[in-house]
Amino acid sequence: MKTLDVTIAILLVVGGLNWGLVGLLNFDLVAAIFGPMSALSRIVYSLVGLAAIYQAISWKAIQRRWGLAFATR
């Protein structure tokens, strides 16, 4: 499961960097690499979206797997 977690984290970083470039420079790196709304671009966008959904749904389980559960004091 940790491999999946790392893959998801990488996809989220890619998505975050791409959105940062869009917001700051009006430059879509994914579209520049794979073509605007090409099949590959749509796959990358879809994978990033699915990664975000996975991360949101399984946040607590990921913390437990990685031993990052924060104790309340």
PDB file of N, CA and C in Angstrom:
ATOM      1  N   MET A   1       0.806  -1.198   0.000  1.00  0.00           N
ATOM      2  CA  MET A   1       0.000   0.000   0.000  1.00  0.00           C
ATOM      3  C   MET A   1       0.849   1.262   0.000  1.00  0.00           C
ATOM      4  N   LYS A   2       2.047   1.194   0.601  1.00  0.00           N
ATOM      5  CA  LYS A   2       2.881   2.397   0.627  1.00  0.00           C
ATOM      6  C   LYS A   2       3.304   2.814  -0.777  1.00  0.00           C
ATOM      7  N   THR A   3       3.480   1.845  -1.677  1.00  0.00           N
ATOM      8  CA  THR A   3       3.824   2.183  -3.057  1.00  0.00           C
ATOM      9  C   THR A   3       2.699   2.989  -3.691  1.00  0.00           C
ATOM     10  N   LEU A   4       1.460   2.575  -3.451  1.00  0.00           N
ATOM     11  CA  LEU A   4       0.310   3.317  -3.969  1.00  0.00           C
ATOM     12  C   LEU A   4       0.275   4.711  -3.363  1.00  0.00           C
ATOM     13  N   ASP A   5       0.529   4.820  -2.062  1.00  0.00           N
ATOM     14  CA  ASP A   5       0.533   6.127  -1.406  1.00  0.00           C
ATOM     15  C   ASP A   5       1.576   7.061  -2.018  1.00  0.00           C
ATOM     16  N   VAL A   6       2.766   6.529  -2.298  1.00  0.00           N
ATOM     17  CA  VAL A   6       3.829   7.344  -2.889  1.00  0.00           C
ATOM     18  C   VAL A   6       3.447   7.758  -4.312  1.00  0.00           C
ATOM     19  N   THR A   7       2.881   6.840  -5.076  1.00  0.00           N
ATOM     20  CA  THR A   7       2.433   7.151  -6.438  1.00  0.00           C
ATOM     21  C   THR A   7       1.374   8.250  -6.414  1.00  0.00           C
ATOM     22  N   ILE A   8       0.433   8.133  -5.490  1.00  0.00           N
ATOM     23  CA  ILE A   8      -0.614   9.148  -5.344  1.00  0.00           C
ATOM     24  C   ILE A   8       0.011  10.496  -4.989  1.00  0.00           C
ATOM     25  N   ALA A   9       0.970  10.492  -4.068  1.00  0.00           N
ATOM     26  CA  ALA A   9       1.633  11.734  -3.671  1.00  0.00           C
ATOM     27  C   ALA A   9       2.343  12.379  -4.859  1.00  0.00           C
ATOM     28  N   ILE A  10       3.001  11.577  -5.673  1.00  0.00           N
ATOM     29  CA  ILE A  10       3.692  12.104  -6.861  1.00  0.00           C
ATOM     30  C   ILE A  10       2.683  12.726  -7.822  1.00  0.00           C
ATOM     31  N   LEU A  11       1.567  12.043  -8.052  1.00  0.00           N
ATOM     32  CA  LEU A  11       0.537  12.589  -8.939  1.00  0.00           C
ATOM     33  C   LEU A  11      -0.014  13.909  -8.402  1.00  0.00           C
ATOM     34  N   LEU A  12      -0.193  13.993  -7.091  1.00  0.00           N
ATOM     35  CA  LEU A  12      -0.700  15.232  -6.510  1.00  0.00           C
ATOM     36  C   LEU A  12       0.314  16.369  -6.631  1.00  0.00           C
ATOM     37  N   VAL A  13       1.592  16.055  -6.505  1.00  0.00           N
ATOM     38  CA  VAL A  13       2.627  17.081  -6.685  1.00  0.00           C
ATOM     39  C   VAL A  13       2.637  17.552  -8.143  1.00  0.00           C
ATOM     40  N   VAL A  14       2.562  16.616  -9.078  1.00  0.00           N
ATOM     41  CA  VAL A  14       2.511  16.979 -10.498  1.00  0.00           C
ATOM     42  C   VAL A  14       1.309  17.879 -10.762  1.00  0.00           C
ATOM     43  N   GLY A  15       0.165  17.497 -10.226  1.00  0.00           N
ATOM     44  CA  GLY A  15      -1.043  18.304 -10.419  1.00  0.00           C
ATOM     45  C   GLY A  15      -0.919  19.677  -9.790  1.00  0.00           C
ATOM     46  N   GLY A  16      -0.356  19.718  -8.575  1.00  0.00           N
ATOM     47  CA  GLY A  16      -0.185  21.000  -7.904  1.00  0.00           C
ATOM     48  C   GLY A  16       0.772  21.926  -8.638  1.00  0.00           C
ATOM     49  N   LEU A  17       1.877  21.359  -9.105  1.00  0.00           N
ATOM     50  CA  LEU A  17       2.833  22.172  -9.877  1.00  0.00           C
ATOM     51  C   LEU A  17       2.208  22.673 -11.174  1.00  0.00           C
ATOM     52  N   ASN A  18       1.443  21.812 -11.830  1.00  0.00           N
ATOM     53  CA  ASN A  18       0.800  22.225 -13.071  1.00  0.00           C
ATOM     54  C   ASN A  18      -0.197  23.354 -12.822  1.00  0.00           C
ATOM     55  N   TRP A  19      -1.014  23.220 -11.764  1.00  0.00           N
ATOM     56  CA  TRP A  19      -1.970  24.289 -11.456  1.00  0.00           C
ATOM     57  C   TRP A  19      -1.242  25.565 -11.038  1.00  0.00           C
ATOM     58  N   GLY A  20      -0.124  25.440 -10.343  1.00  0.00           N
ATOM     59  CA  GLY A  20       0.662  26.620  -9.996  1.00  0.00           C
ATOM     60  C   GLY A  20       1.170  27.351 -11.226  1.00  0.00           C
ATOM     61  N   LEU A  21       1.644  26.572 -12.189  1.00  0.00           N
ATOM     62  CA  LEU A  21       2.096  27.183 -13.449  1.00  0.00           C
ATOM     63  C   LEU A  21       0.955  27.835 -14.202  1.00  0.00           C
ATOM     64  N   VAL A  22      -0.203  27.197 -14.191  1.00  0.00           N
ATOM     65  CA  VAL A  22      -1.374  27.783 -14.860  1.00  0.00           C
ATOM     66  C   VAL A  22      -1.750  29.094 -14.184  1.00  0.00           C
ATOM     67  N   GLY A  23      -1.784  29.084 -12.857  1.00  0.00           N
ATOM     68  CA  GLY A  23      -2.190  30.283 -12.132  1.00  0.00           C
ATOM     69  C   GLY A  23      -1.197  31.424 -12.223  1.00  0.00           C
ATOM     70  N   LEU A  24       0.090  31.105 -12.145  1.00  0.00           N
ATOM     71  CA  LEU A  24       1.102  32.156 -12.136  1.00  0.00           C
ATOM     72  C   LEU A  24       1.515  32.618 -13.530  1.00  0.00           C
ATOM     73  N   LEU A  25       1.626  31.673 -14.441  1.00  0.00           N
ATOM     74  CA  LEU A  25       2.203  31.997 -15.746  1.00  0.00           C
ATOM     75  C   LEU A  25       1.271  31.714 -16.926  1.00  0.00           C
ATOM     76  N   ASN A  26       0.058  31.239 -16.618  1.00  0.00           N
ATOM     77  CA  ASN A  26      -0.889  30.857 -17.667  1.00  0.00           C
ATOM     78  C   ASN A  26      -0.244  29.833 -18.621  1.00  0.00           C
ATOM     79  N   PHE A  27       0.492  28.880 -18.025  1.00  0.00           N
ATOM     80  CA  PHE A  27       1.203  27.867 -18.800  1.00  0.00           C
ATOM     81  C   PHE A  27       0.814  26.491 -18.285  1.00  0.00           C
ATOM     82  N   ASP A  28       0.210  25.694 -19.145  1.00  0.00           N
ATOM     83  CA  ASP A  28      -0.214  24.338 -18.791  1.00  0.00           C
ATOM     84  C   ASP A  28       0.862  23.364 -19.268  1.00  0.00           C
ATOM     85  N   LEU A  29       1.684  22.889 -18.335  1.00  0.00           N
ATOM     86  CA  LEU A  29       2.807  22.018 -18.671  1.00  0.00           C
ATOM     87  C   LEU A  29       2.341  20.694 -19.266  1.00  0.00           C
ATOM     88  N   VAL A  30       1.275  20.119 -18.713  1.00  0.00           N
ATOM     89  CA  VAL A  30       0.762  18.848 -19.232  1.00  0.00           C
ATOM     90  C   VAL A  30       0.338  19.010 -20.689  1.00  0.00           C
ATOM     91  N   ALA A  31      -0.374  20.085 -20.985  1.00  0.00           N
ATOM     92  CA  ALA A  31      -0.797  20.340 -22.362  1.00  0.00           C
ATOM     93  C   ALA A  31       0.396  20.610 -23.267  1.00  0.00           C
ATOM     94  N   ALA A  32       1.415  21.279 -22.730  1.00  0.00           N
ATOM     95  CA  ALA A  32       2.601  21.565 -23.532  1.00  0.00           C
ATOM     96  C   ALA A  32       3.348  20.276 -23.884  1.00  0.00           C
ATOM     97  N   ILE A  33       3.355  19.318 -22.959  1.00  0.00           N
ATOM     98  CA  ILE A  33       4.079  18.067 -23.204  1.00  0.00           C
ATOM     99  C   ILE A  33       3.275  17.123 -24.087  1.00  0.00           C
ATOM    100  N   PHE A  34       1.991  16.935 -23.766  1.00  0.00           N
ATOM    101  CA  PHE A  34       1.187  15.919 -24.443  1.00  0.00           C
ATOM    102  C   PHE A  34       0.208  16.469 -25.471  1.00  0.00           C
ATOM    103  N   GLY A  35       0.066  17.785 -25.559  1.00  0.00           N
ATOM    104  CA  GLY A  35      -0.882  18.387 -26.484  1.00  0.00           C
ATOM    105  C   GLY A  35      -2.152  18.757 -25.741  1.00  0.00           C
ATOM    106  N   PRO A  36      -2.753  19.891 -26.129  1.00  0.00           N
ATOM    107  CA  PRO A  36      -3.953  20.352 -25.425  1.00  0.00           C
ATOM    108  C   PRO A  36      -5.109  19.359 -25.593  1.00  0.00           C
ATOM    109  N   MET A  37      -5.576  18.854 -24.476  1.00  0.00           N
ATOM    110  CA  MET A  37      -6.693  17.916 -24.400  1.00  0.00           C
ATOM    111  C   MET A  37      -6.518  16.693 -25.306  1.00  0.00           C
ATOM    112  N   SER A  38      -5.265  16.278 -25.480  1.00  0.00           N
ATOM    113  CA  SER A  38      -5.010  15.032 -26.191  1.00  0.00           C
ATOM    114  C   SER A  38      -5.401  13.873 -25.277  1.00  0.00           C
ATOM    115  N   ALA A  39      -5.386  12.677 -25.811  1.00  0.00           N
ATOM    116  CA  ALA A  39      -5.744  11.510 -25.007  1.00  0.00           C
ATOM    117  C   ALA A  39      -4.795  11.366 -23.816  1.00  0.00           C
ATOM    118  N   LEU A  40      -3.505  11.588 -24.022  1.00  0.00           N
ATOM    119  CA  LEU A  40      -2.541  11.477 -22.924  1.00  0.00           C
ATOM    120  C   LEU A  40      -2.743  12.570 -21.873  1.00  0.00           C
ATOM    121  N   SER A  41      -3.043  13.787 -22.312  1.00  0.00           N
ATOM    122  CA  SER A  41      -3.316  14.868 -21.369  1.00  0.00           C
ATOM    123  C   SER A  41      -4.526  14.527 -20.516  1.00  0.00           C
ATOM    124  N   ARG A  42      -5.564  14.025 -21.145  1.00  0.00           N
ATOM    125  CA  ARG A  42      -6.784  13.668 -20.409  1.00  0.00           C
ATOM    126  C   ARG A  42      -6.514  12.546 -19.412  1.00  0.00           C
ATOM    127  N   ILE A  43      -5.647  11.616 -19.768  1.00  0.00           N
ATOM    128  CA  ILE A  43      -5.285  10.536 -18.848  1.00  0.00           C
ATOM    129  C   ILE A  43      -4.554  11.112 -17.630  1.00  0.00           C
ATOM    130  N   VAL A  44      -3.592  12.007 -17.877  1.00  0.00           N
ATOM    131  CA  VAL A  44      -2.855  12.620 -16.767  1.00  0.00           C
ATOM    132  C   VAL A  44      -3.811  13.401 -15.876  1.00  0.00           C
ATOM    133  N   TYR A  45      -4.676  14.228 -16.463  1.00  0.00           N
ATOM    134  CA  TYR A  45      -5.634  15.003 -15.676  1.00  0.00           C
ATOM    135  C   TYR A  45      -6.541  14.074 -14.870  1.00  0.00           C
ATOM    136  N   SER A  46      -6.988  12.995 -15.489  1.00  0.00           N
ATOM    137  CA  SER A  46      -7.876  12.044 -14.812  1.00  0.00           C
ATOM    138  C   SER A  46      -7.163  11.353 -13.660  1.00  0.00           C
ATOM    139  N   LEU A  47      -5.916  10.945 -13.873  1.00  0.00           N
ATOM    140  CA  LEU A  47      -5.156  10.293 -12.811  1.00  0.00           C
ATOM    141  C   LEU A  47      -4.916  11.231 -11.629  1.00  0.00           C
ATOM    142  N   VAL A  48      -4.636  12.489 -11.914  1.00  0.00           N
ATOM    143  CA  VAL A  48      -4.441  13.463 -10.837  1.00  0.00           C
ATOM    144  C   VAL A  48      -5.746  13.654 -10.069  1.00  0.00           C
ATOM    145  N   GLY A  49      -6.858  13.739 -10.771  1.00  0.00           N
ATOM    146  CA  GLY A  49      -8.156  13.868 -10.108  1.00  0.00           C
ATOM    147  C   GLY A  49      -8.491  12.660  -9.258  1.00  0.00           C
ATOM    148  N   LEU A  50      -8.261  11.469  -9.788  1.00  0.00           N
ATOM    149  CA  LEU A  50      -8.500  10.246  -9.015  1.00  0.00           C
ATOM    150  C   LEU A  50      -7.574  10.168  -7.804  1.00  0.00           C
ATOM    151  N   ALA A  51      -6.338  10.634  -7.963  1.00  0.00           N
ATOM    152  CA  ALA A  51      -5.399  10.651  -6.839  1.00  0.00           C
ATOM    153  C   ALA A  51      -5.911  11.566  -5.732  1.00  0.00           C
ATOM    154  N   ALA A  52      -6.466  12.706  -6.100  1.00  0.00           N
ATOM    155  CA  ALA A  52      -6.995  13.634  -5.102  1.00  0.00           C
ATOM    156  C   ALA A  52      -8.193  13.025  -4.377  1.00  0.00           C
ATOM    157  N   ILE A  53      -9.061  12.345  -5.099  1.00  0.00           N
ATOM    158  CA  ILE A  53     -10.212  11.693  -4.475  1.00  0.00           C
ATOM    159  C   ILE A  53      -9.735  10.605  -3.513  1.00  0.00           C
ATOM    160  N   TYR A  54      -8.792   9.786  -3.957  1.00  0.00           N
ATOM    161  CA  TYR A  54      -8.237   8.730  -3.112  1.00  0.00           C
ATOM    162  C   TYR A  54      -7.642   9.320  -1.847  1.00  0.00           C
ATOM    163  N   GLN A  55      -6.863  10.376  -2.001  1.00  0.00           N
ATOM    164  CA  GLN A  55      -6.199  11.008  -0.852  1.00  0.00           C
ATOM    165  C   GLN A  55      -7.230  11.554   0.122  1.00  0.00           C
ATOM    166  N   ALA A  56      -8.260  12.185  -0.378  1.00  0.00           N
ATOM    167  CA  ALA A  56      -9.286  12.768   0.488  1.00  0.00           C
ATOM    168  C   ALA A  56     -10.053  11.685   1.253  1.00  0.00           C
ATOM    169  N   ILE A  57     -10.367  10.602   0.580  1.00  0.00           N
ATOM    170  CA  ILE A  57     -11.157   9.540   1.201  1.00  0.00           C
ATOM    171  C   ILE A  57     -10.331   8.749   2.215  1.00  0.00           C
ATOM    172  N   SER A  58      -9.068   8.523   1.930  1.00  0.00           N
ATOM    173  CA  SER A  58      -8.272   7.626   2.765  1.00  0.00           C
ATOM    174  C   SER A  58      -7.229   8.347   3.614  1.00  0.00           C
ATOM    175  N   TRP A  59      -7.429   9.600   3.911  1.00  0.00           N
ATOM    176  CA  TRP A  59      -6.452  10.391   4.654  1.00  0.00           C
ATOM    177  C   TRP A  59      -6.074   9.742   5.983  1.00  0.00           C
ATOM    178  N   LYS A  60      -7.069   9.356   6.776  1.00  0.00           N
ATOM    179  CA  LYS A  60      -6.798   8.769   8.089  1.00  0.00           C
ATOM    180  C   LYS A  60      -6.093   7.418   7.961  1.00  0.00           C
ATOM    181  N   ALA A  61      -6.510   6.598   7.022  1.00  0.00           N
ATOM    182  CA  ALA A  61      -5.884   5.286   6.830  1.00  0.00           C
ATOM    183  C   ALA A  61      -4.424   5.441   6.400  1.00  0.00           C
ATOM    184  N   ILE A  62      -4.135   6.417   5.574  1.00  0.00           N
ATOM    185  CA  ILE A  62      -2.757   6.662   5.142  1.00  0.00           C
ATOM    186  C   ILE A  62      -1.904   7.076   6.346  1.00  0.00           C
ATOM    187  N   GLN A  63      -2.443   7.942   7.189  1.00  0.00           N
ATOM    188  CA  GLN A  63      -1.708   8.354   8.386  1.00  0.00           C
ATOM    189  C   GLN A  63      -1.391   7.151   9.266  1.00  0.00           C
ATOM    190  N   ARG A  64      -2.354   6.252   9.445  1.00  0.00           N
ATOM    191  CA  ARG A  64      -2.111   5.065  10.270  1.00  0.00           C
ATOM    192  C   ARG A  64      -1.057   4.165   9.638  1.00  0.00           C
ATOM    193  N   ARG A  65      -1.132   3.945   8.319  1.00  0.00           N
ATOM    194  CA  ARG A  65      -0.162   3.072   7.631  1.00  0.00           C
ATOM    195  C   ARG A  65       1.253   3.617   7.779  1.00  0.00           C
ATOM    196  N   TRP A  66       1.379   4.921   7.716  1.00  0.00           N
ATOM    197  CA  TRP A  66       2.709   5.521   7.771  1.00  0.00           C
ATOM    198  C   TRP A  66       3.111   5.883   9.215  1.00  0.00           C
ATOM    199  N   GLY A  67       2.231   5.574  10.160  1.00  0.00           N
ATOM    200  CA  GLY A  67       2.537   5.874  11.552  1.00  0.00           C
ATOM    201  C   GLY A  67       2.571   7.354  11.843  1.00  0.00           C
ATOM    202  N   LEU A  68       1.742   8.115  11.153  1.00  0.00           N
ATOM    203  CA  LEU A  68       1.745   9.572  11.300  1.00  0.00           C
ATOM    204  C   LEU A  68       0.540  10.083  12.051  1.00  0.00           C
ATOM    205  N   ALA A  69      -0.206   9.199  12.677  1.00  0.00           N
ATOM    206  CA  ALA A  69      -1.386   9.646  13.426  1.00  0.00           C
ATOM    207  C   ALA A  69      -0.935  10.580  14.539  1.00  0.00           C
ATOM    208  N   PHE A  70      -1.525  11.728  14.577  1.00  0.00           N
ATOM    209  CA  PHE A  70      -1.137  12.733  15.562  1.00  0.00           C
ATOM    210  C   PHE A  70      -1.915  12.517  16.851  1.00  0.00           C
ATOM    211  N   ALA A  71      -1.202  12.424  17.929  1.00  0.00           N
ATOM    212  CA  ALA A  71      -1.849  12.229  19.234  1.00  0.00           C
ATOM    213  C   ALA A  71      -2.288  13.582  19.775  1.00  0.00           C
ATOM    214  N   THR A  72      -3.466  13.597  20.341  1.00  0.00           N
ATOM    215  CA  THR A  72      -3.930  14.831  20.962  1.00  0.00           C
ATOM    216  C   THR A  72      -3.396  14.889  22.373  1.00  0.00           C
ATOM    217  N   ARG A  73      -2.993  16.033  22.773  1.00  0.00           N
ATOM    218  CA  ARG A  73      -2.408  16.197  24.115  1.00  0.00           C
ATOM    219  C   ARG A  73      -3.355  16.950  24.986  1.00  0.00           C
TER     220      ARG A  73
END
